[in-house]
C-alpha atoms as a PDB file:
ATOM      1  CA  MET A   1       0.000   0.000   0.000  1.00  0.00           C
ATOM      2  CA  ALA A   2       1.449   3.372  -0.981  1.00  0.00           C
ATOM      3  CA  GLY A   3       1.505   5.996   1.763  1.00  0.00           C
ATOM      4  CA  CYS A   4       1.098   3.410   4.492  1.00  0.00           C
ATOM      5  CA  SER A   5       3.166   2.272   7.420  1.00  0.00           C
ATOM      6  CA  SER A   6       3.406  -1.358   8.488  1.00  0.00           C
ATOM      7  CA  ARG A   7       3.665  -2.753  11.996  1.00  0.00           C
ATOM      8  CA  TYR A   8       3.801  -6.387  13.046  1.00  0.00           C
ATOM      9  CA  PHE A   9       2.221  -8.010  16.088  1.00  0.00           C
ATOM     10  CA  ARG A  10       2.427 -11.485  17.614  1.00  0.00           C
ATOM     11  CA  MET A  11      -0.484 -12.976  19.534  1.00  0.00           C
ATOM     12  CA  ALA A  12      -2.133 -16.278  20.303  1.00  0.00           C
ATOM     13  CA  ALA A  13      -3.294 -17.841  17.035  1.00  0.00           C
ATOM     14  CA  LYS A  14      -6.822 -18.171  18.449  1.00  0.00           C
ATOM     15  CA  ASP A  15      -7.029 -14.364  18.782  1.00  0.00           C
ATOM     16  CA  ILE A  16      -6.065 -13.403  15.215  1.00  0.00           C
ATOM     17  CA  ALA A  17      -9.577 -13.492  13.718  1.00  0.00           C
ATOM     18  CA  ARG A  18     -11.070 -11.456  16.573  1.00  0.00           C
ATOM     19  CA  PHE A  19      -8.176  -8.956  16.439  1.00  0.00           C
ATOM     20  CA  GLN A  20      -8.701  -8.525  12.686  1.00  0.00           C
ATOM     21  CA  PHE A  21     -12.470  -8.213  13.001  1.00  0.00           C
ATOM     22  CA  LEU A  22     -12.252  -5.569  15.723  1.00  0.00           C
ATOM     23  CA  LEU A  23      -9.579  -3.471  14.003  1.00  0.00           C
ATOM     24  CA  GLU A  24     -11.097  -3.596  10.534  1.00  0.00           C
ATOM     25  CA  GLY A  25     -14.475  -2.731  12.056  1.00  0.00           C
ATOM     26  CA  HIS A  26     -13.050   0.783  12.426  1.00  0.00           C
ATOM     27  CA  GLU A  27     -13.541   1.400   8.724  1.00  0.00           C
ATOM     28  CA  GLY A  28     -10.498   2.617   6.841  1.00  0.00           C
ATOM     29  CA  ILE A  29      -7.988   3.113   9.664  1.00  0.00           C
ATOM     30  CA  THR A  30      -5.962  -0.050   9.002  1.00  0.00           C
ATOM     31  CA  THR A  31      -5.958  -3.426   7.299  1.00  0.00           C
ATOM     32  CA  VAL A  32      -4.825  -6.603   8.986  1.00  0.00           C
ATOM     33  CA  SER A  33      -3.140  -9.481   7.174  1.00  0.00           C
ATOM     34  CA  THR A  34      -1.344 -12.576   8.341  1.00  0.00           C
ATOM     35  CA  ALA A  35       2.406 -12.164   7.952  1.00  0.00           C
ATOM     36  CA  ASP A  36       3.380 -15.566   9.419  1.00  0.00           C
ATOM     37  CA  ALA A  37       0.607 -17.998  10.303  1.00  0.00           C
ATOM     38  CA  ARG A  38       2.906 -20.460  12.083  1.00  0.00           C
ATOM     39  CA  ALA A  39       4.333 -17.746  14.348  1.00  0.00           C
ATOM     40  CA  ALA A  40       0.903 -16.045  14.718  1.00  0.00           C
ATOM     41  CA  VAL A  41       2.220 -12.709  13.420  1.00  0.00           C
ATOM     42  CA  VAL A  42      -0.052 -10.189  11.710  1.00  0.00           C
ATOM     43  CA  ARG A  43       0.775  -7.040   9.757  1.00  0.00           C
ATOM     44  CA  LEU A  44      -1.146  -3.806  10.202  1.00  0.00           C
ATOM     45  CA  SER A  45      -1.015  -1.513   7.163  1.00  0.00           C
ATOM     46  CA  THR A  46      -2.078   1.976   8.181  1.00  0.00           C
ATOM     47  CA  PRO A  47      -2.519   5.011   5.918  1.00  0.00           C
ATOM     48  CA  GLU A  48      -0.378   8.017   6.766  1.00  0.00           C
ATOM     49  CA  GLY A  49      -1.985  10.252   9.361  1.00  0.00           C
ATOM     50  CA  LEU A  50      -4.080   7.510  10.970  1.00  0.00           C
ATOM     51  CA  GLU A  51      -1.351   5.956  13.138  1.00  0.00           C
ATOM     52  CA  GLY A  52      -2.628   7.728  16.267  1.00  0.00           C
ATOM     53  CA  ASP A  53      -6.140   6.399  15.696  1.00  0.00           C
ATOM     54  CA  VAL A  54      -4.803   2.865  15.359  1.00  0.00           C
ATOM     55  CA  GLU A  55      -2.767   3.248  18.549  1.00  0.00           C
ATOM     56  CA  CYS A  56      -5.915   4.307  20.432  1.00  0.00           C
ATOM     57  CA  VAL A  57      -7.800   1.249  19.173  1.00  0.00           C
ATOM     58  CA  LEU A  58      -4.885  -1.054  20.069  1.00  0.00           C
ATOM     59  CA  GLU A  59      -4.820   0.322  23.608  1.00  0.00           C
ATOM     60  CA  ALA A  60      -8.590  -0.149  23.905  1.00  0.00           C
ATOM     61  CA  LEU A  61      -8.282  -3.767  22.728  1.00  0.00           C
ATOM     62  CA  ARG A  62      -5.697  -4.397  25.432  1.00  0.00           C
ATOM     63  CA  ARG A  63      -7.548  -2.572  28.184  1.00  0.00           C
ATOM     64  CA  GLU A  64     -11.212  -3.249  27.444  1.00  0.00           C
ATOM     65  CA  MET A  65     -11.147  -6.548  25.542  1.00  0.00           C
ATOM     66  CA  GLY A  66      -8.224  -8.143  27.341  1.00  0.00           C
ATOM     67  CA  LEU A  67      -6.482  -9.108  24.100  1.00  0.00           C
ATOM     68  CA  GLU A  68      -2.795  -9.839  24.536  1.00  0.00           C
ATOM     69  CA  PHE A  69      -0.405  -8.999  21.715  1.00  0.00           C
ATOM     70  CA  ARG A  70       3.016  -7.446  21.335  1.00  0.00           C
ATOM     71  CA  GLU A  71       4.787  -5.646  18.574  1.00  0.00           C
ATOM     72  CA  VAL A  72       7.561  -7.559  16.838  1.00  0.00           C
ATOM     73  CA  PHE A  73      10.018  -6.678  14.106  1.00  0.00           C
ATOM     74  CA  LEU A  74      10.901  -8.731  11.053  1.00  0.00           C
ATOM     75  CA  ASP A  75      14.354  -9.821   9.948  1.00  0.00           C
ATOM     76  CA  GLU A  76      14.767  -8.081   6.605  1.00  0.00           C
ATOM     77  CA  GLY A  77      16.741 -10.983   5.167  1.00  0.00           C
ATOM     78  CA  THR A  78      14.502 -13.868   6.151  1.00  0.00           C
ATOM     79  CA  GLY A  79      11.184 -12.179   6.927  1.00  0.00           C
ATOM     80  CA  ALA A  80      11.101 -14.060  10.239  1.00  0.00           C
ATOM     81  CA  ALA A  81       9.643 -12.346  13.280  1.00  0.00           C
ATOM     82  CA  LEU A  82      12.198 -11.229  15.842  1.00  0.00           C
ATOM     83  CA  GLY A  83      11.104 -11.327  19.454  1.00  0.00           C
END
């Protein structure tokens, strides 16, 4: 996606569908795709200028929904999640 930033998050595999549903329910602020199904890592692609909105939703998911996830970074050579 042009003009977008990407962030990666690891979580329990059972939570991926709910995480995606809840984030994409906030129409247009981000898209969620699976970056590594085996490692349960998803990629958020967020249009420029909406990063703050996404951060607010992420915090609400942690606080109000009890979802557990953490940001990870990818090895540029292998594409494997680090951390």
